[in-house]
Amino acid sequence: GDTENIPEMKELQRIDCAFLPMNLPYTMTPEMVADAARSFKPKILYPYHYGDTDASKLVELLKNDKDIEVRIRRMQ
């Protein structure tokens, strides 16, 4: 199914690496992904399925969250 920023994400603990989808209309916006990541604080975050969404916006949103490293992989 589709992934959204749901309250249950706050229950996740000790996540080393998270993969979160980021692209409307079926997945989350960069703001929603940032909120989700802040709720369970993965050490590393890979956004995926971002299509035409500017992934650098997520990097900007999380730049002050030093415990979360955002990694962007360019897909060809």
PDB file of N, CA and C in Angstrom:
ATOM      1  N   GLY A   1       0.816  -1.191   0.000  1.00  0.00           N
ATOM      2  CA  GLY A   1       0.000   0.000   0.000  1.00  0.00           C
ATOM      3  C   GLY A   1       0.855   1.249   0.000  1.00  0.00           C
ATOM      4  N   ASP A   2       0.189   2.354   0.053  1.00  0.00           N
ATOM      5  CA  ASP A   2       0.858   3.650   0.074  1.00  0.00           C
ATOM      6  C   ASP A   2       1.348   3.960   1.484  1.00  0.00           C
ATOM      7  N   THR A   3       2.427   4.713   1.582  1.00  0.00           N
ATOM      8  CA  THR A   3       2.998   5.056   2.876  1.00  0.00           C
ATOM      9  C   THR A   3       2.683   6.504   3.210  1.00  0.00           C
ATOM     10  N   GLU A   4       2.253   6.726   4.440  1.00  0.00           N
ATOM     11  CA  GLU A   4       1.997   8.074   4.928  1.00  0.00           C
ATOM     12  C   GLU A   4       2.644   8.226   6.295  1.00  0.00           C
ATOM     13  N   ASN A   5       2.757   9.457   6.729  1.00  0.00           N
ATOM     14  CA  ASN A   5       3.296   9.764   8.049  1.00  0.00           C
ATOM     15  C   ASN A   5       2.205   9.486   9.079  1.00  0.00           C
ATOM     16  N   ILE A   6       2.210   8.285   9.636  1.00  0.00           N
ATOM     17  CA  ILE A   6       1.155   7.871  10.559  1.00  0.00           C
ATOM     18  C   ILE A   6       1.673   7.893  12.002  1.00  0.00           C
ATOM     19  N   PRO A   7       0.784   8.049  12.976  1.00  0.00           N
ATOM     20  CA  PRO A   7       1.210   8.120  14.381  1.00  0.00           C
ATOM     21  C   PRO A   7       2.031   6.915  14.839  1.00  0.00           C
ATOM     22  N   GLU A   8       1.775   5.747  14.288  1.00  0.00           N
ATOM     23  CA  GLU A   8       2.503   4.542  14.692  1.00  0.00           C
ATOM     24  C   GLU A   8       4.000   4.637  14.420  1.00  0.00           C
ATOM     25  N   MET A   9       4.416   5.518  13.521  1.00  0.00           N
ATOM     26  CA  MET A   9       5.851   5.669  13.255  1.00  0.00           C
ATOM     27  C   MET A   9       6.605   6.120  14.497  1.00  0.00           C
ATOM     28  N   LYS A  10       5.929   6.837  15.393  1.00  0.00           N
ATOM     29  CA  LYS A  10       6.577   7.307  16.620  1.00  0.00           C
ATOM     30  C   LYS A  10       6.987   6.149  17.527  1.00  0.00           C
ATOM     31  N   GLU A  11       6.393   4.991  17.318  1.00  0.00           N
ATOM     32  CA  GLU A  11       6.714   3.823  18.135  1.00  0.00           C
ATOM     33  C   GLU A  11       7.978   3.101  17.664  1.00  0.00           C
ATOM     34  N   LEU A  12       8.465   3.428  16.477  1.00  0.00           N
ATOM     35  CA  LEU A  12       9.686   2.806  15.966  1.00  0.00           C
ATOM     36  C   LEU A  12      10.874   3.253  16.811  1.00  0.00           C
ATOM     37  N   GLN A  13      11.786   2.333  17.069  1.00  0.00           N
ATOM     38  CA  GLN A  13      12.949   2.646  17.896  1.00  0.00           C
ATOM     39  C   GLN A  13      14.212   2.039  17.302  1.00  0.00           C
ATOM     40  N   ARG A  14      15.329   2.698  17.578  1.00  0.00           N
ATOM     41  CA  ARG A  14      16.658   2.207  17.194  1.00  0.00           C
ATOM     42  C   ARG A  14      16.737   1.808  15.710  1.00  0.00           C
ATOM     43  N   ILE A  15      16.303   2.700  14.852  1.00  0.00           N
ATOM     44  CA  ILE A  15      16.339   2.451  13.407  1.00  0.00           C
ATOM     45  C   ILE A  15      17.669   2.974  12.861  1.00  0.00           C
ATOM     46  N   ASP A  16      18.445   2.086  12.278  1.00  0.00           N
ATOM     47  CA  ASP A  16      19.721   2.499  11.692  1.00  0.00           C
ATOM     48  C   ASP A  16      19.538   3.126  10.318  1.00  0.00           C
ATOM     49  N   CYS A  17      18.688   2.525   9.506  1.00  0.00           N
ATOM     50  CA  CYS A  17      18.510   2.992   8.133  1.00  0.00           C
ATOM     51  C   CYS A  17      17.035   2.907   7.757  1.00  0.00           C
ATOM     52  N   ALA A  18      16.489   4.018   7.283  1.00  0.00           N
ATOM     53  CA  ALA A  18      15.079   4.054   6.881  1.00  0.00           C
ATOM     54  C   ALA A  18      14.972   4.440   5.413  1.00  0.00           C
ATOM     55  N   PHE A  19      14.038   3.831   4.732  1.00  0.00           N
ATOM     56  CA  PHE A  19      13.715   4.152   3.350  1.00  0.00           C
ATOM     57  C   PHE A  19      12.278   4.657   3.337  1.00  0.00           C
ATOM     58  N   LEU A  20      12.086   5.922   2.967  1.00  0.00           N
ATOM     59  CA  LEU A  20      10.745   6.502   2.965  1.00  0.00           C
ATOM     60  C   LEU A  20      10.412   7.053   1.580  1.00  0.00           C
ATOM     61  N   PRO A  21       9.224   6.726   1.060  1.00  0.00           N
ATOM     62  CA  PRO A  21       8.819   7.210  -0.254  1.00  0.00           C
ATOM     63  C   PRO A  21       8.399   8.672  -0.185  1.00  0.00           C
ATOM     64  N   MET A  22       8.699   9.406  -1.255  1.00  0.00           N
ATOM     65  CA  MET A  22       8.443  10.843  -1.246  1.00  0.00           C
ATOM     66  C   MET A  22       8.026  11.305  -2.636  1.00  0.00           C
ATOM     67  N   ASN A  23       6.740  11.347  -2.886  1.00  0.00           N
ATOM     68  CA  ASN A  23       6.247  11.847  -4.169  1.00  0.00           C
ATOM     69  C   ASN A  23       4.724  11.842  -4.135  1.00  0.00           C
ATOM     70  N   LEU A  24       4.123  12.973  -4.348  1.00  0.00           N
ATOM     71  CA  LEU A  24       2.660  13.031  -4.421  1.00  0.00           C
ATOM     72  C   LEU A  24       2.196  12.529  -5.775  1.00  0.00           C
ATOM     73  N   PRO A  25       1.017  11.991  -5.894  1.00  0.00           N
ATOM     74  CA  PRO A  25      -0.069  12.000  -4.914  1.00  0.00           C
ATOM     75  C   PRO A  25      -0.125  10.743  -4.050  1.00  0.00           C
ATOM     76  N   TYR A  26       0.727   9.755  -4.291  1.00  0.00           N
ATOM     77  CA  TYR A  26       0.557   8.460  -3.625  1.00  0.00           C
ATOM     78  C   TYR A  26       1.443   8.242  -2.410  1.00  0.00           C
ATOM     79  N   THR A  27       2.424   9.081  -2.206  1.00  0.00           N
ATOM     80  CA  THR A  27       3.295   8.935  -1.044  1.00  0.00           C
ATOM     81  C   THR A  27       3.408  10.282  -0.339  1.00  0.00           C
ATOM     82  N   MET A  28       4.465  10.504   0.407  1.00  0.00           N
ATOM     83  CA  MET A  28       4.577  11.690   1.250  1.00  0.00           C
ATOM     84  C   MET A  28       5.285  12.853   0.565  1.00  0.00           C
ATOM     85  N   THR A  29       4.980  14.058   1.035  1.00  0.00           N
ATOM     86  CA  THR A  29       5.700  15.261   0.616  1.00  0.00           C
ATOM     87  C   THR A  29       7.037  15.300   1.363  1.00  0.00           C
ATOM     88  N   PRO A  30       7.979  16.149   0.931  1.00  0.00           N
ATOM     89  CA  PRO A  30       9.224  16.285   1.691  1.00  0.00           C
ATOM     90  C   PRO A  30       8.964  16.671   3.153  1.00  0.00           C
ATOM     91  N   GLU A  31       7.975  17.516   3.387  1.00  0.00           N
ATOM     92  CA  GLU A  31       7.645  17.922   4.753  1.00  0.00           C
ATOM     93  C   GLU A  31       7.151  16.736   5.582  1.00  0.00           C
ATOM     94  N   MET A  32       6.341  15.892   4.976  1.00  0.00           N
ATOM     95  CA  MET A  32       5.833  14.708   5.674  1.00  0.00           C
ATOM     96  C   MET A  32       6.956  13.721   5.972  1.00  0.00           C
ATOM     97  N   VAL A  33       7.870  13.550   5.026  1.00  0.00           N
ATOM     98  CA  VAL A  33       9.011  12.652   5.240  1.00  0.00           C
ATOM     99  C   VAL A  33       9.889  13.192   6.372  1.00  0.00           C
ATOM    100  N   ALA A  34      10.124  14.502   6.381  1.00  0.00           N
ATOM    101  CA  ALA A  34      10.924  15.103   7.452  1.00  0.00           C
ATOM    102  C   ALA A  34      10.258  14.890   8.808  1.00  0.00           C
ATOM    103  N   ASP A  35       8.956  15.101   8.879  1.00  0.00           N
ATOM    104  CA  ASP A  35       8.226  14.884  10.138  1.00  0.00           C
ATOM    105  C   ASP A  35       8.311  13.425  10.574  1.00  0.00           C
ATOM    106  N   ALA A  36       8.144  12.520   9.622  1.00  0.00           N
ATOM    107  CA  ALA A  36       8.220  11.091   9.939  1.00  0.00           C
ATOM    108  C   ALA A  36       9.609  10.744  10.468  1.00  0.00           C
ATOM    109  N   ALA A  37      10.639  11.221   9.783  1.00  0.00           N
ATOM    110  CA  ALA A  37      12.010  10.927  10.207  1.00  0.00           C
ATOM    111  C   ALA A  37      12.285  11.491  11.599  1.00  0.00           C
ATOM    112  N   ARG A  38      11.796  12.677  11.865  1.00  0.00           N
ATOM    113  CA  ARG A  38      11.995  13.262  13.197  1.00  0.00           C
ATOM    114  C   ARG A  38      11.285  12.456  14.278  1.00  0.00           C
ATOM    115  N   SER A  39      10.208  11.789  13.913  1.00  0.00           N
ATOM    116  CA  SER A  39       9.439  11.053  14.923  1.00  0.00           C
ATOM    117  C   SER A  39      10.154   9.783  15.395  1.00  0.00           C
ATOM    118  N   PHE A  40      10.960   9.153  14.513  1.00  0.00           N
ATOM    119  CA  PHE A  40      11.646   7.927  14.955  1.00  0.00           C
ATOM    120  C   PHE A  40      13.160   7.974  14.787  1.00  0.00           C
ATOM    121  N   LYS A  41      13.675   9.072  14.270  1.00  0.00           N
ATOM    122  CA  LYS A  41      15.105   9.380  14.238  1.00  0.00           C
ATOM    123  C   LYS A  41      16.015   8.262  13.716  1.00  0.00           C
ATOM    124  N   PRO A  42      15.869   7.901  12.454  1.00  0.00           N
ATOM    125  CA  PRO A  42      16.818   6.925  11.901  1.00  0.00           C
ATOM    126  C   PRO A  42      18.202   7.567  11.782  1.00  0.00           C
ATOM    127  N   LYS A  43      19.230   6.760  11.872  1.00  0.00           N
ATOM    128  CA  LYS A  43      20.580   7.295  11.700  1.00  0.00           C
ATOM    129  C   LYS A  43      20.800   7.739  10.254  1.00  0.00           C
ATOM    130  N   ILE A  44      20.270   6.944   9.320  1.00  0.00           N
ATOM    131  CA  ILE A  44      20.406   7.227   7.888  1.00  0.00           C
ATOM    132  C   ILE A  44      19.023   7.177   7.261  1.00  0.00           C
ATOM    133  N   LEU A  45      18.745   8.134   6.397  1.00  0.00           N
ATOM    134  CA  LEU A  45      17.459   8.194   5.705  1.00  0.00           C
ATOM    135  C   LEU A  45      17.684   8.269   4.201  1.00  0.00           C
ATOM    136  N   TYR A  46      17.090   7.335   3.490  1.00  0.00           N
ATOM    137  CA  TYR A  46      17.079   7.355   2.032  1.00  0.00           C
ATOM    138  C   TYR A  46      15.654   7.642   1.561  1.00  0.00           C
ATOM    139  N   PRO A  47      15.424   8.781   0.908  1.00  0.00           N
ATOM    140  CA  PRO A  47      14.121   8.949   0.271  1.00  0.00           C
ATOM    141  C   PRO A  47      14.129   8.167  -1.044  1.00  0.00           C
ATOM    142  N   TYR A  48      12.997   7.620  -1.407  1.00  0.00           N
ATOM    143  CA  TYR A  48      12.903   6.923  -2.687  1.00  0.00           C
ATOM    144  C   TYR A  48      11.551   7.210  -3.317  1.00  0.00           C
ATOM    145  N   HIS A  49      11.410   6.823  -4.559  1.00  0.00           N
ATOM    146  CA  HIS A  49      10.155   7.000  -5.288  1.00  0.00           C
ATOM    147  C   HIS A  49       9.810   8.487  -5.395  1.00  0.00           C
ATOM    148  N   TYR A  50      10.862   9.345  -5.474  1.00  0.00           N
ATOM    149  CA  TYR A  50      10.592  10.773  -5.435  1.00  0.00           C
ATOM    150  C   TYR A  50      10.353  11.408  -6.791  1.00  0.00           C
ATOM    151  N   GLY A  51      10.501  10.669  -7.876  1.00  0.00           N
ATOM    152  CA  GLY A  51      10.117  11.160  -9.196  1.00  0.00           C
ATOM    153  C   GLY A  51      10.533  12.592  -9.472  1.00  0.00           C
ATOM    154  N   ASP A  52       9.550  13.459  -9.686  1.00  0.00           N
ATOM    155  CA  ASP A  52       9.816  14.861 -10.000  1.00  0.00           C
ATOM    156  C   ASP A  52       9.977  15.737  -8.759  1.00  0.00           C
ATOM    157  N   THR A  53       9.801  15.172  -7.575  1.00  0.00           N
ATOM    158  CA  THR A  53       9.958  15.942  -6.342  1.00  0.00           C
ATOM    159  C   THR A  53      11.432  16.273  -6.134  1.00  0.00           C
ATOM    160  N   ASP A  54      11.718  17.505  -5.765  1.00  0.00           N
ATOM    161  CA  ASP A  54      13.092  17.944  -5.523  1.00  0.00           C
ATOM    162  C   ASP A  54      13.586  17.367  -4.194  1.00  0.00           C
ATOM    163  N   ALA A  55      14.426  16.349  -4.262  1.00  0.00           N
ATOM    164  CA  ALA A  55      14.918  15.669  -3.060  1.00  0.00           C
ATOM    165  C   ALA A  55      15.784  16.580  -2.199  1.00  0.00           C
ATOM    166  N   SER A  56      16.364  17.620  -2.785  1.00  0.00           N
ATOM    167  CA  SER A  56      17.189  18.534  -1.991  1.00  0.00           C
ATOM    168  C   SER A  56      16.349  19.297  -0.963  1.00  0.00           C
ATOM    169  N   LYS A  57      15.052  19.391  -1.195  1.00  0.00           N
ATOM    170  CA  LYS A  57      14.175  20.048  -0.217  1.00  0.00           C
ATOM    171  C   LYS A  57      14.177  19.273   1.099  1.00  0.00           C
ATOM    172  N   LEU A  58      14.199  17.955   1.026  1.00  0.00           N
ATOM    173  CA  LEU A  58      14.252  17.135   2.234  1.00  0.00           C
ATOM    174  C   LEU A  58      15.566  17.368   2.981  1.00  0.00           C
ATOM    175  N   VAL A  59      16.650  17.445   2.246  1.00  0.00           N
ATOM    176  CA  VAL A  59      17.953  17.722   2.856  1.00  0.00           C
ATOM    177  C   VAL A  59      17.892  19.055   3.600  1.00  0.00           C
ATOM    178  N   GLU A  60      17.308  20.046   2.974  1.00  0.00           N
ATOM    179  CA  GLU A  60      17.176  21.370   3.598  1.00  0.00           C
ATOM    180  C   GLU A  60      16.315  21.309   4.856  1.00  0.00           C
ATOM    181  N   LEU A  61      15.208  20.580   4.796  1.00  0.00           N
ATOM    182  CA  LEU A  61      14.302  20.475   5.942  1.00  0.00           C
ATOM    183  C   LEU A  61      14.960  19.798   7.146  1.00  0.00           C
ATOM    184  N   LEU A  62      15.881  18.883   6.883  1.00  0.00           N
ATOM    185  CA  LEU A  62      16.512  18.128   7.972  1.00  0.00           C
ATOM    186  C   LEU A  62      17.946  18.577   8.275  1.00  0.00           C
ATOM    187  N   LYS A  63      18.367  19.693   7.714  1.00  0.00           N
ATOM    188  CA  LYS A  63      19.763  20.114   7.882  1.00  0.00           C
ATOM    189  C   LYS A  63      20.150  20.370   9.338  1.00  0.00           C
ATOM    190  N   ASN A  64      19.204  20.743  10.178  1.00  0.00           N
ATOM    191  CA  ASN A  64      19.510  20.997  11.589  1.00  0.00           C
ATOM    192  C   ASN A  64      19.338  19.764  12.471  1.00  0.00           C
ATOM    193  N   ASP A  65      18.876  18.685  11.892  1.00  0.00           N
ATOM    194  CA  ASP A  65      18.717  17.423  12.620  1.00  0.00           C
ATOM    195  C   ASP A  65      20.000  16.613  12.423  1.00  0.00           C
ATOM    196  N   LYS A  66      21.003  16.926  13.199  1.00  0.00           N
ATOM    197  CA  LYS A  66      22.350  16.369  13.001  1.00  0.00           C
ATOM    198  C   LYS A  66      22.424  14.859  13.203  1.00  0.00           C
ATOM    199  N   ASP A  67      21.452  14.276  13.885  1.00  0.00           N
ATOM    200  CA  ASP A  67      21.469  12.829  14.127  1.00  0.00           C
ATOM    201  C   ASP A  67      20.868  12.029  12.978  1.00  0.00           C
ATOM    202  N   ILE A  68      20.332  12.734  11.960  1.00  0.00           N
ATOM    203  CA  ILE A  68      19.739  12.059  10.802  1.00  0.00           C
ATOM    204  C   ILE A  68      20.544  12.436   9.563  1.00  0.00           C
ATOM    205  N   GLU A  69      21.188  11.450   8.971  1.00  0.00           N
ATOM    206  CA  GLU A  69      21.947  11.678   7.736  1.00  0.00           C
ATOM    207  C   GLU A  69      21.059  11.320   6.545  1.00  0.00           C
ATOM    208  N   VAL A  70      20.782  12.315   5.704  1.00  0.00           N
ATOM    209  CA  VAL A  70      19.968  12.078   4.509  1.00  0.00           C
ATOM    210  C   VAL A  70      20.909  11.738   3.360  1.00  0.00           C
ATOM    211  N   ARG A  71      20.650  10.625   2.723  1.00  0.00           N
ATOM    212  CA  ARG A  71      21.449  10.202   1.566  1.00  0.00           C
ATOM    213  C   ARG A  71      20.547  10.156   0.342  1.00  0.00           C
ATOM    214  N   ILE A  72      20.976  10.833  -0.693  1.00  0.00           N
ATOM    215  CA  ILE A  72      20.228  10.874  -1.952  1.00  0.00           C
ATOM    216  C   ILE A  72      20.985  10.054  -2.985  1.00  0.00           C
ATOM    217  N   ARG A  73      20.315   9.128  -3.594  1.00  0.00           N
ATOM    218  CA  ARG A  73      20.893   8.332  -4.680  1.00  0.00           C
ATOM    219  C   ARG A  73      20.162   8.705  -5.962  1.00  0.00           C
ATOM    220  N   ARG A  74      20.897   9.180  -6.903  1.00  0.00           N
ATOM    221  CA  ARG A  74      20.310   9.537  -8.197  1.00  0.00           C
ATOM    222  C   ARG A  74      20.042   8.274  -8.990  1.00  0.00           C
ATOM    223  N   MET A  75      18.828   8.129  -9.418  1.00  0.00           N
ATOM    224  CA  MET A  75      18.443   6.962 -10.207  1.00  0.00           C
ATOM    225  C   MET A  75      18.431   7.347 -11.680  1.00  0.00           C
ATOM    226  N   GLN A  76      18.831   6.417 -12.523  1.00  0.00           N
ATOM    227  CA  GLN A  76      18.876   6.698 -13.955  1.00  0.00           C
ATOM    228  C   GLN A  76      17.913   5.826 -14.690  1.00  0.00           C
TER     229      GLN A  76
END
